[in-house]
Amino acid sequence: MGLEVTKLRFGYRNRPVLRDISLSLRSGEFLGFLGPNGSGKSTFLKNLLGFLKPSGGRIVFSGSPQGFSSEFPRSEWARRLAFVPQSPGIRSSLSVGDLVLMGRLPHLKDRWAGYSREDRRMVGEALRVLGMEDMADRDVMSLSGGELQKAIIGRCLVQEGDIILLDEATSGLDLNHTIEIMELMRRKADREAKIIVAVLHDLNLAAQYCDRIVLLKDGKLRYQGLPSVILTENVVEEIYGVRAAVKIDEDGRPYVLPRRIRREREEEEAGVS
């Protein structure tokens, strides 16, 4: 099972956003997708999902006897890819259980018959894993931002996609729940051979959990590889324009410590003293 992206291009009118992105993803890999705001990270995910149509290149999923590409019906694509967006976008009143149950829609054999007992069992299991089993009957409009984001993640889990796409999925969560979700996705990759693609802003979080990271800037794939190889002081400054110290922890993983930006006057005063 894998995903091949070849020379993917996308733009709005005369403004290119993605420039010849080529990327291979393999079964069981946790990929971190990073870069400055506006570098094309979310646009890349939307092209994978078929929300946006590439102006060039090809996206092909391998793993079924004949493989399939983004030209296949959206129903088939929806069974393969699960997505957690930046913003839940929930505007109507429904229960947490019903929200999570929506993840089973692509698998319904007969929409007139509705959801099966197994579908509902899966919802209960997802809520249990997320520590939300006592919230199944709560109205989603009564949830905090973090709770709602976890319910959206539950919807993603029951969808059972071979590839899970996370677009800043932990941005609304506190540190404890962020770690909880990242650990869950790490287990999905390790135990169920899922492909996880996570758009992240936190370099240290990516270094801790991702097998490989990709760094974008101005729509171009600038670097890809192991966090321990890619995350250097020079690369961080090149991509983000920030001076930082990159250290190595006891497990051999890098962590990034941005340096404070001082005004000239402060530096002069420090020099005098």
C-alpha atoms as a PDB file:
ATOM      1  CA  MET A   1       0.000   0.000   0.000  1.00  0.00           C
ATOM      2  CA  GLY A   2       1.311   3.442  -0.831  1.00  0.00           C
ATOM      3  CA  LEU A   3       0.709   6.789  -2.452  1.00  0.00           C
ATOM      4  CA  GLU A   4       2.684   8.263  -5.335  1.00  0.00           C
ATOM      5  CA  VAL A   5       2.550  11.981  -6.089  1.00  0.00           C
ATOM      6  CA  THR A   6       4.356  12.967  -9.274  1.00  0.00           C
ATOM      7  CA  LYS A   7       5.110  16.552 -10.366  1.00  0.00           C
ATOM      8  CA  LEU A   8       1.954  17.890  -8.739  1.00  0.00           C
ATOM      9  CA  ARG A   9       1.154  21.465  -9.736  1.00  0.00           C
ATOM     10  CA  PHE A  10      -1.644  23.762  -8.641  1.00  0.00           C
ATOM     11  CA  GLY A  11      -2.317  27.475  -8.821  1.00  0.00           C
ATOM     12  CA  TYR A  12      -4.982  30.148  -8.659  1.00  0.00           C
ATOM     13  CA  ARG A  13      -5.166  31.899 -12.040  1.00  0.00           C
ATOM     14  CA  ASN A  14      -1.646  33.125 -12.676  1.00  0.00           C
ATOM     15  CA  ARG A  15      -0.365  32.519  -9.153  1.00  0.00           C
ATOM     16  CA  PRO A  16       1.322  29.124  -8.712  1.00  0.00           C
ATOM     17  CA  VAL A  17       0.895  27.551  -5.266  1.00  0.00           C
ATOM     18  CA  LEU A  18       2.371  24.063  -5.711  1.00  0.00           C
ATOM     19  CA  ARG A  19       5.345  23.628  -8.012  1.00  0.00           C
ATOM     20  CA  ASP A  20       6.162  20.105  -9.218  1.00  0.00           C
ATOM     21  CA  ILE A  21       5.751  18.287  -5.902  1.00  0.00           C
ATOM     22  CA  SER A  22       6.862  14.650  -6.125  1.00  0.00           C
ATOM     23  CA  LEU A  23       6.511  12.413  -3.104  1.00  0.00           C
ATOM     24  CA  SER A  24       6.240   8.698  -2.298  1.00  0.00           C
ATOM     25  CA  LEU A  25       4.509   7.423   0.827  1.00  0.00           C
ATOM     26  CA  ARG A  26       4.677   3.858   2.037  1.00  0.00           C
ATOM     27  CA  SER A  27       2.523   1.736   4.294  1.00  0.00           C
ATOM     28  CA  GLY A  28       3.043   2.424   7.995  1.00  0.00           C
ATOM     29  CA  GLU A  29       4.787   5.771   7.506  1.00  0.00           C
ATOM     30  CA  PHE A  30       4.100   8.884   9.578  1.00  0.00           C
ATOM     31  CA  LEU A  31       5.000  11.898   7.438  1.00  0.00           C
ATOM     32  CA  GLY A  32       5.243  15.429   8.813  1.00  0.00           C
ATOM     33  CA  PHE A  33       4.420  18.212   6.333  1.00  0.00           C
ATOM     34  CA  LEU A  34       5.913  21.525   7.455  1.00  0.00           C
ATOM     35  CA  GLY A  35       6.721  24.992   6.215  1.00  0.00           C
ATOM     36  CA  PRO A  36       5.853  28.676   6.730  1.00  0.00           C
ATOM     37  CA  ASN A  37       2.300  29.973   6.425  1.00  0.00           C
ATOM     38  CA  GLY A  38       1.295  30.165   2.777  1.00  0.00           C
ATOM     39  CA  SER A  39       3.854  27.606   1.604  1.00  0.00           C
ATOM     40  CA  GLY A  40       1.183  25.267   0.185  1.00  0.00           C
ATOM     41  CA  LYS A  41       0.772  22.639   2.918  1.00  0.00           C
ATOM     42  CA  SER A  42      -3.023  22.692   3.204  1.00  0.00           C
ATOM     43  CA  THR A  43      -3.376  23.122  -0.557  1.00  0.00           C
ATOM     44  CA  PHE A  44      -1.378  19.925  -1.013  1.00  0.00           C
ATOM     45  CA  LEU A  45      -3.806  17.997   1.211  1.00  0.00           C
ATOM     46  CA  LYS A  46      -6.806  19.433  -0.621  1.00  0.00           C
ATOM     47  CA  ASN A  47      -5.353  18.228  -3.911  1.00  0.00           C
ATOM     48  CA  LEU A  48      -4.888  14.751  -2.448  1.00  0.00           C
ATOM     49  CA  LEU A  49      -8.505  14.763  -1.314  1.00  0.00           C
ATOM     50  CA  GLY A  50      -9.847  15.950  -4.648  1.00  0.00           C
ATOM     51  CA  PHE A  51     -11.215  19.172  -3.148  1.00  0.00           C
ATOM     52  CA  LEU A  52      -8.952  20.993  -5.592  1.00  0.00           C
ATOM     53  CA  LYS A  53      -8.022  19.826  -9.074  1.00  0.00           C
ATOM     54  CA  PRO A  54      -4.294  19.851  -9.916  1.00  0.00           C
ATOM     55  CA  SER A  55      -3.209  21.806 -12.977  1.00  0.00           C
ATOM     56  CA  GLY A  56      -0.561  19.178 -13.645  1.00  0.00           C
ATOM     57  CA  GLY A  57       0.949  15.983 -12.325  1.00  0.00           C
ATOM     58  CA  ARG A  58      -0.637  12.825 -11.009  1.00  0.00           C
ATOM     59  CA  ILE A  59      -1.766  11.266  -7.716  1.00  0.00           C
ATOM     60  CA  VAL A  60      -1.929   7.466  -7.657  1.00  0.00           C
ATOM     61  CA  PHE A  61      -2.836   5.161  -4.802  1.00  0.00           C
ATOM     62  CA  SER A  62      -1.368   1.667  -5.001  1.00  0.00           C
ATOM     63  CA  GLY A  63      -2.540  -1.340  -3.048  1.00  0.00           C
ATOM     64  CA  SER A  64      -5.631  -2.576  -4.828  1.00  0.00           C
ATOM     65  CA  PRO A  65      -5.198  -5.011  -7.755  1.00  0.00           C
ATOM     66  CA  GLN A  66      -5.392  -2.266 -10.365  1.00  0.00           C
ATOM     67  CA  GLY A  67      -4.488   0.737  -8.245  1.00  0.00           C
ATOM     68  CA  PHE A  68      -6.456   3.935  -8.626  1.00  0.00           C
ATOM     69  CA  SER A  69      -5.869   7.618  -9.058  1.00  0.00           C
ATOM     70  CA  SER A  70      -7.560  10.893  -8.264  1.00  0.00           C
ATOM     71  CA  GLU A  71      -9.582  10.515 -11.460  1.00  0.00           C
ATOM     72  CA  PHE A  72     -11.548   7.674  -9.811  1.00  0.00           C
ATOM     73  CA  PRO A  73     -14.998   8.355  -8.280  1.00  0.00           C
ATOM     74  CA  ARG A  74     -14.996  10.407  -5.098  1.00  0.00           C
ATOM     75  CA  SER A  75     -16.818   7.576  -3.288  1.00  0.00           C
ATOM     76  CA  GLU A  76     -13.829   5.279  -3.822  1.00  0.00           C
ATOM     77  CA  TRP A  77     -11.401   8.022  -2.799  1.00  0.00           C
ATOM     78  CA  ALA A  78     -13.441   8.666   0.370  1.00  0.00           C
ATOM     79  CA  ARG A  79     -13.065   5.045   1.459  1.00  0.00           C
ATOM     80  CA  ARG A  80      -9.296   5.319   1.170  1.00  0.00           C
ATOM     81  CA  LEU A  81      -8.579   8.733   2.687  1.00  0.00           C
ATOM     82  CA  ALA A  82      -9.760  10.090   6.030  1.00  0.00           C
ATOM     83  CA  PHE A  83      -9.344  13.791   6.764  1.00  0.00           C
ATOM     84  CA  VAL A  84      -9.215  15.996   9.848  1.00  0.00           C
ATOM     85  CA  PRO A  85      -9.430  19.692   8.821  1.00  0.00           C
ATOM     86  CA  GLN A  86      -8.044  22.758  10.587  1.00  0.00           C
ATOM     87  CA  SER A  87     -11.546  23.970  11.416  1.00  0.00           C
ATOM     88  CA  PRO A  88     -14.389  21.510  12.127  1.00  0.00           C
ATOM     89  CA  GLY A  89     -16.903  23.681  10.253  1.00  0.00           C
ATOM     90  CA  ILE A  90     -19.890  22.331  12.206  1.00  0.00           C
ATOM     91  CA  ARG A  91     -22.833  24.698  11.878  1.00  0.00           C
ATOM     92  CA  SER A  92     -25.812  22.542  12.892  1.00  0.00           C
ATOM     93  CA  SER A  93     -26.933  20.841  16.073  1.00  0.00           C
ATOM     94  CA  LEU A  94     -26.293  17.082  16.353  1.00  0.00           C
ATOM     95  CA  SER A  95     -24.990  14.671  18.939  1.00  0.00           C
ATOM     96  CA  VAL A  96     -21.325  13.743  19.278  1.00  0.00           C
ATOM     97  CA  GLY A  97     -22.222  10.139  18.467  1.00  0.00           C
ATOM     98  CA  ASP A  98     -23.984  11.146  15.262  1.00  0.00           C
ATOM     99  CA  LEU A  99     -21.067  13.349  14.242  1.00  0.00           C
ATOM    100  CA  VAL A 100     -18.624  10.463  14.630  1.00  0.00           C
ATOM    101  CA  LEU A 101     -21.057   8.104  12.876  1.00  0.00           C
ATOM    102  CA  MET A 102     -20.828  10.285   9.754  1.00  0.00           C
ATOM    103  CA  GLY A 103     -17.401   8.746   9.201  1.00  0.00           C
ATOM    104  CA  ARG A 104     -19.131   5.513   8.177  1.00  0.00           C
ATOM    105  CA  LEU A 105     -20.986   7.150   5.266  1.00  0.00           C
ATOM    106  CA  PRO A 106     -18.498   6.042   2.558  1.00  0.00           C
ATOM    107  CA  HIS A 107     -18.961   2.411   3.657  1.00  0.00           C
ATOM    108  CA  LEU A 108     -22.767   2.238   3.545  1.00  0.00           C
ATOM    109  CA  LYS A 109     -23.860  -0.501   1.137  1.00  0.00           C
ATOM    110  CA  ASP A 110     -27.456   0.620   1.210  1.00  0.00           C
ATOM    111  CA  ARG A 111     -28.135   4.190   2.294  1.00  0.00           C
ATOM    112  CA  TRP A 112     -31.821   3.408   2.656  1.00  0.00           C
ATOM    113  CA  ALA A 113     -31.042   0.733   5.256  1.00  0.00           C
ATOM    114  CA  GLY A 114     -28.928   3.116   7.302  1.00  0.00           C
ATOM    115  CA  TYR A 115     -26.109   2.327   9.680  1.00  0.00           C
ATOM    116  CA  SER A 116     -25.463  -1.177  10.967  1.00  0.00           C
ATOM    117  CA  ARG A 117     -24.896  -2.414  14.498  1.00  0.00           C
ATOM    118  CA  GLU A 118     -21.204  -2.776  13.609  1.00  0.00           C
ATOM    119  CA  ASP A 119     -21.061   0.884  12.514  1.00  0.00           C
ATOM    120  CA  ARG A 120     -22.427   1.959  15.873  1.00  0.00           C
ATOM    121  CA  ARG A 121     -20.062  -0.367  17.736  1.00  0.00           C
ATOM    122  CA  MET A 122     -17.149   1.296  15.947  1.00  0.00           C
ATOM    123  CA  VAL A 123     -18.392   4.713  17.034  1.00  0.00           C
ATOM    124  CA  GLY A 124     -18.488   3.549  20.656  1.00  0.00           C
ATOM    125  CA  GLU A 125     -14.958   2.190  20.376  1.00  0.00           C
ATOM    126  CA  ALA A 126     -13.630   5.416  18.830  1.00  0.00           C
ATOM    127  CA  LEU A 127     -15.193   7.498  21.604  1.00  0.00           C
ATOM    128  CA  ARG A 128     -13.715   5.139  24.197  1.00  0.00           C
ATOM    129  CA  VAL A 129     -10.230   5.469  22.695  1.00  0.00           C
ATOM    130  CA  LEU A 130     -10.573   9.253  22.761  1.00  0.00           C
ATOM    131  CA  GLY A 131     -11.913   9.275  26.335  1.00  0.00           C
ATOM    132  CA  MET A 132     -15.250  10.704  25.148  1.00  0.00           C
ATOM    133  CA  GLU A 133     -17.599   7.761  25.754  1.00  0.00           C
ATOM    134  CA  ASP A 134     -19.650   9.793  28.251  1.00  0.00           C
ATOM    135  CA  MET A 135     -20.193  12.536  25.620  1.00  0.00           C
ATOM    136  CA  ALA A 136     -21.941  10.443  22.957  1.00  0.00           C
ATOM    137  CA  ASP A 137     -25.328  12.118  23.539  1.00  0.00           C
ATOM    138  CA  ARG A 138     -24.040  15.663  24.028  1.00  0.00           C
ATOM    139  CA  ASP A 139     -24.837  18.326  21.453  1.00  0.00           C
ATOM    140  CA  VAL A 140     -21.677  19.231  19.525  1.00  0.00           C
ATOM    141  CA  MET A 141     -22.563  22.907  19.900  1.00  0.00           C
ATOM    142  CA  SER A 142     -21.979  22.573  23.653  1.00  0.00           C
ATOM    143  CA  LEU A 143     -18.428  21.276  23.262  1.00  0.00           C
ATOM    144  CA  SER A 144     -15.265  23.265  23.762  1.00  0.00           C
ATOM    145  CA  GLY A 145     -13.060  23.797  20.727  1.00  0.00           C
ATOM    146  CA  GLY A 146     -10.692  21.035  21.831  1.00  0.00           C
ATOM    147  CA  GLU A 147     -13.525  18.584  22.531  1.00  0.00           C
ATOM    148  CA  LEU A 148     -15.063  19.260  19.139  1.00  0.00           C
ATOM    149  CA  GLN A 149     -11.727  18.674  17.424  1.00  0.00           C
ATOM    150  CA  LYS A 150     -11.413  15.326  19.191  1.00  0.00           C
ATOM    151  CA  ALA A 151     -14.906  14.363  17.979  1.00  0.00           C
ATOM    152  CA  ILE A 152     -13.817  15.194  14.413  1.00  0.00           C
ATOM    153  CA  ILE A 153     -10.802  12.946  14.931  1.00  0.00           C
ATOM    154  CA  GLY A 154     -13.234  10.228  16.070  1.00  0.00           C
ATOM    155  CA  ARG A 155     -15.130  10.632  12.794  1.00  0.00           C
ATOM    156  CA  CYS A 156     -11.832  10.159  10.977  1.00  0.00           C
ATOM    157  CA  LEU A 157     -11.025   6.989  12.932  1.00  0.00           C
ATOM    158  CA  VAL A 158     -14.277   5.183  12.108  1.00  0.00           C
ATOM    159  CA  GLN A 159     -13.854   6.017   8.429  1.00  0.00           C
ATOM    160  CA  GLU A 160     -11.035   3.425   8.388  1.00  0.00           C
ATOM    161  CA  GLY A 161      -9.117   5.081   5.579  1.00  0.00           C
ATOM    162  CA  ASP A 162      -5.795   3.585   4.564  1.00  0.00           C
ATOM    163  CA  ILE A 163      -4.405   7.132   4.565  1.00  0.00           C
ATOM    164  CA  ILE A 164      -5.138   9.655   7.325  1.00  0.00           C
ATOM    165  CA  LEU A 165      -4.607  13.322   6.501  1.00  0.00           C
ATOM    166  CA  LEU A 166      -4.325  15.752   9.409  1.00  0.00           C
ATOM    167  CA  ASP A 167      -4.401  19.476   8.662  1.00  0.00           C
ATOM    168  CA  GLU A 168      -3.131  21.084  11.873  1.00  0.00           C
ATOM    169  CA  ALA A 169      -5.444  18.660  13.671  1.00  0.00           C
ATOM    170  CA  THR A 170      -3.956  19.319  17.117  1.00  0.00           C
ATOM    171  CA  SER A 171      -3.872  23.120  16.893  1.00  0.00           C
ATOM    172  CA  GLY A 172      -6.937  23.512  19.137  1.00  0.00           C
ATOM    173  CA  LEU A 173      -5.801  21.002  21.750  1.00  0.00           C
ATOM    174  CA  ASP A 174      -3.836  21.487  24.951  1.00  0.00           C
ATOM    175  CA  LEU A 175      -0.466  19.792  25.370  1.00  0.00           C
ATOM    176  CA  ASN A 176      -1.883  16.692  27.067  1.00  0.00           C
ATOM    177  CA  HIS A 177      -4.449  16.026  24.338  1.00  0.00           C
ATOM    178  CA  THR A 178      -1.974  16.924  21.592  1.00  0.00           C
ATOM    179  CA  ILE A 179       0.365  14.179  22.837  1.00  0.00           C
ATOM    180  CA  GLU A 180      -2.593  11.811  23.169  1.00  0.00           C
ATOM    181  CA  ILE A 181      -3.568  12.302  19.513  1.00  0.00           C
ATOM    182  CA  MET A 182      -0.003  12.089  18.226  1.00  0.00           C
ATOM    183  CA  GLU A 183       0.525   8.852  20.168  1.00  0.00           C
ATOM    184  CA  LEU A 184      -2.718   7.489  18.714  1.00  0.00           C
ATOM    185  CA  MET A 185      -1.615   8.300  15.159  1.00  0.00           C
ATOM    186  CA  ARG A 186       1.822   6.798  15.813  1.00  0.00           C
ATOM    187  CA  ARG A 187       0.086   3.546  16.863  1.00  0.00           C
ATOM    188  CA  LYS A 188      -2.125   3.659  13.758  1.00  0.00           C
ATOM    189  CA  ALA A 189       1.006   3.746  11.622  1.00  0.00           C
ATOM    190  CA  ASP A 190       2.868   1.088  13.592  1.00  0.00           C
ATOM    191  CA  ARG A 191       0.091  -1.414  14.322  1.00  0.00           C
ATOM    192  CA  GLU A 192      -2.333  -0.950  11.428  1.00  0.00           C
ATOM    193  CA  ALA A 193       0.124   0.123   8.711  1.00  0.00           C
ATOM    194  CA  LYS A 194      -1.815   3.343   8.082  1.00  0.00           C
ATOM    195  CA  ILE A 195      -0.153   6.150   6.169  1.00  0.00           C
ATOM    196  CA  ILE A 196      -0.328   9.311   8.265  1.00  0.00           C
ATOM    197  CA  VAL A 197       0.288  12.716   6.680  1.00  0.00           C
ATOM    198  CA  ALA A 198       0.215  15.523   9.228  1.00  0.00           C
ATOM    199  CA  VAL A 199       0.487  19.229   8.455  1.00  0.00           C
ATOM    200  CA  LEU A 200       2.228  20.648  11.500  1.00  0.00           C
ATOM    201  CA  HIS A 201       3.773  23.905  12.660  1.00  0.00           C
ATOM    202  CA  ASP A 202       5.567  22.466  15.669  1.00  0.00           C
ATOM    203  CA  LEU A 203       9.011  21.279  14.547  1.00  0.00           C
ATOM    204  CA  ASN A 204       9.643  19.522  17.849  1.00  0.00           C
ATOM    205  CA  LEU A 205       6.374  17.600  17.687  1.00  0.00           C
ATOM    206  CA  ALA A 206       7.248  16.488  14.148  1.00  0.00           C
ATOM    207  CA  ALA A 207      10.722  15.399  15.232  1.00  0.00           C
ATOM    208  CA  GLN A 208       9.309  13.307  18.076  1.00  0.00           C
ATOM    209  CA  TYR A 209       6.628  11.435  16.121  1.00  0.00           C
ATOM    210  CA  CYS A 210       7.319  11.502  12.393  1.00  0.00           C
ATOM    211  CA  ASP A 211       9.410   8.966  10.483  1.00  0.00           C
ATOM    212  CA  ARG A 212      10.115  11.546   7.807  1.00  0.00           C
ATOM    213  CA  ILE A 213       9.464  15.242   7.374  1.00  0.00           C
ATOM    214  CA  VAL A 214       8.905  17.376   4.304  1.00  0.00           C
ATOM    215  CA  LEU A 215       9.726  21.096   4.304  1.00  0.00           C
ATOM    216  CA  LEU A 216       7.932  23.353   1.828  1.00  0.00           C
ATOM    217  CA  LYS A 217       8.632  26.958   0.981  1.00  0.00           C
ATOM    218  CA  ASP A 218       6.979  29.048  -1.740  1.00  0.00           C
ATOM    219  CA  GLY A 219       5.192  25.969  -3.055  1.00  0.00           C
ATOM    220  CA  LYS A 220       8.392  24.005  -3.590  1.00  0.00           C
ATOM    221  CA  LEU A 221       9.529  20.897  -1.789  1.00  0.00           C
ATOM    222  CA  ARG A 222      12.854  22.066  -0.389  1.00  0.00           C
ATOM    223  CA  TYR A 223      13.831  19.182   1.891  1.00  0.00           C
ATOM    224  CA  GLN A 224      12.597  15.716   2.807  1.00  0.00           C
ATOM    225  CA  GLY A 225      14.133  13.027   4.996  1.00  0.00           C
ATOM    226  CA  LEU A 226      14.711  11.925   8.575  1.00  0.00           C
ATOM    227  CA  PRO A 227      14.146  14.658  11.187  1.00  0.00           C
ATOM    228  CA  SER A 228      17.658  14.035  12.539  1.00  0.00           C
ATOM    229  CA  VAL A 229      19.088  14.801   9.103  1.00  0.00           C
ATOM    230  CA  ILE A 230      16.783  17.578   7.910  1.00  0.00           C
ATOM    231  CA  LEU A 231      16.416  19.697  11.038  1.00  0.00           C
ATOM    232  CA  THR A 232      19.625  21.701  11.196  1.00  0.00           C
ATOM    233  CA  GLU A 233      20.215  25.287  12.234  1.00  0.00           C
ATOM    234  CA  ASN A 234      20.935  26.336   8.655  1.00  0.00           C
ATOM    235  CA  VAL A 235      17.786  24.680   7.289  1.00  0.00           C
ATOM    236  CA  VAL A 236      15.554  26.205   9.976  1.00  0.00           C
ATOM    237  CA  GLU A 237      16.931  29.661   9.177  1.00  0.00           C
ATOM    238  CA  GLU A 238      16.547  29.111   5.420  1.00  0.00           C
ATOM    239  CA  ILE A 239      12.947  27.908   5.621  1.00  0.00           C
ATOM    240  CA  TYR A 240      11.594  30.063   8.441  1.00  0.00           C
ATOM    241  CA  GLY A 241      13.985  33.010   8.544  1.00  0.00           C
ATOM    242  CA  VAL A 242      14.609  32.329  12.228  1.00  0.00           C
ATOM    243  CA  ARG A 243      17.892  31.717  14.001  1.00  0.00           C
ATOM    244  CA  ALA A 244      17.640  28.677  16.241  1.00  0.00           C
ATOM    245  CA  ALA A 245      19.776  26.217  18.149  1.00  0.00           C
ATOM    246  CA  VAL A 246      19.162  22.571  17.230  1.00  0.00           C
ATOM    247  CA  LYS A 247      20.026  20.096  19.976  1.00  0.00           C
ATOM    248  CA  ILE A 248      19.809  16.295  20.186  1.00  0.00           C
ATOM    249  CA  ASP A 249      17.929  14.583  23.037  1.00  0.00           C
ATOM    250  CA  GLU A 250      18.817  11.308  24.762  1.00  0.00           C
ATOM    251  CA  ASP A 251      16.864   9.326  22.142  1.00  0.00           C
ATOM    252  CA  GLY A 252      18.813  10.871  19.279  1.00  0.00           C
ATOM    253  CA  ARG A 253      15.949  13.116  18.166  1.00  0.00           C
ATOM    254  CA  PRO A 254      16.517  16.793  17.373  1.00  0.00           C
ATOM    255  CA  TYR A 255      14.734  19.629  19.120  1.00  0.00           C
ATOM    256  CA  VAL A 256      14.690  23.258  18.074  1.00  0.00           C
ATOM    257  CA  LEU A 257      15.198  26.224  20.393  1.00  0.00           C
ATOM    258  CA  PRO A 258      14.507  29.567  18.662  1.00  0.00           C
ATOM    259  CA  ARG A 259      16.800  32.388  19.678  1.00  0.00           C
ATOM    260  CA  ARG A 260      15.281  35.628  20.937  1.00  0.00           C
ATOM    261  CA  ILE A 261      15.330  38.452  18.421  1.00  0.00           C
ATOM    262  CA  ARG A 262      16.863  41.451  20.150  1.00  0.00           C
ATOM    263  CA  ARG A 263      16.632  45.034  19.022  1.00  0.00           C
ATOM    264  CA  GLU A 264      19.839  46.809  18.137  1.00  0.00           C
ATOM    265  CA  ARG A 265      19.561  48.949  21.245  1.00  0.00           C
ATOM    266  CA  GLU A 266      19.255  45.925  23.504  1.00  0.00           C
ATOM    267  CA  GLU A 267      22.278  44.345  21.897  1.00  0.00           C
ATOM    268  CA  GLU A 268      24.257  47.560  22.253  1.00  0.00           C
ATOM    269  CA  GLU A 269      23.329  47.789  25.918  1.00  0.00           C
ATOM    270  CA  ALA A 270      24.298  44.151  26.435  1.00  0.00           C
ATOM    271  CA  GLY A 271      27.613  44.853  24.727  1.00  0.00           C
ATOM    272  CA  VAL A 272      28.304  47.856  26.936  1.00  0.00           C
ATOM    273  CA  SER A 273      27.548  45.946  30.081  1.00  0.00           C
END
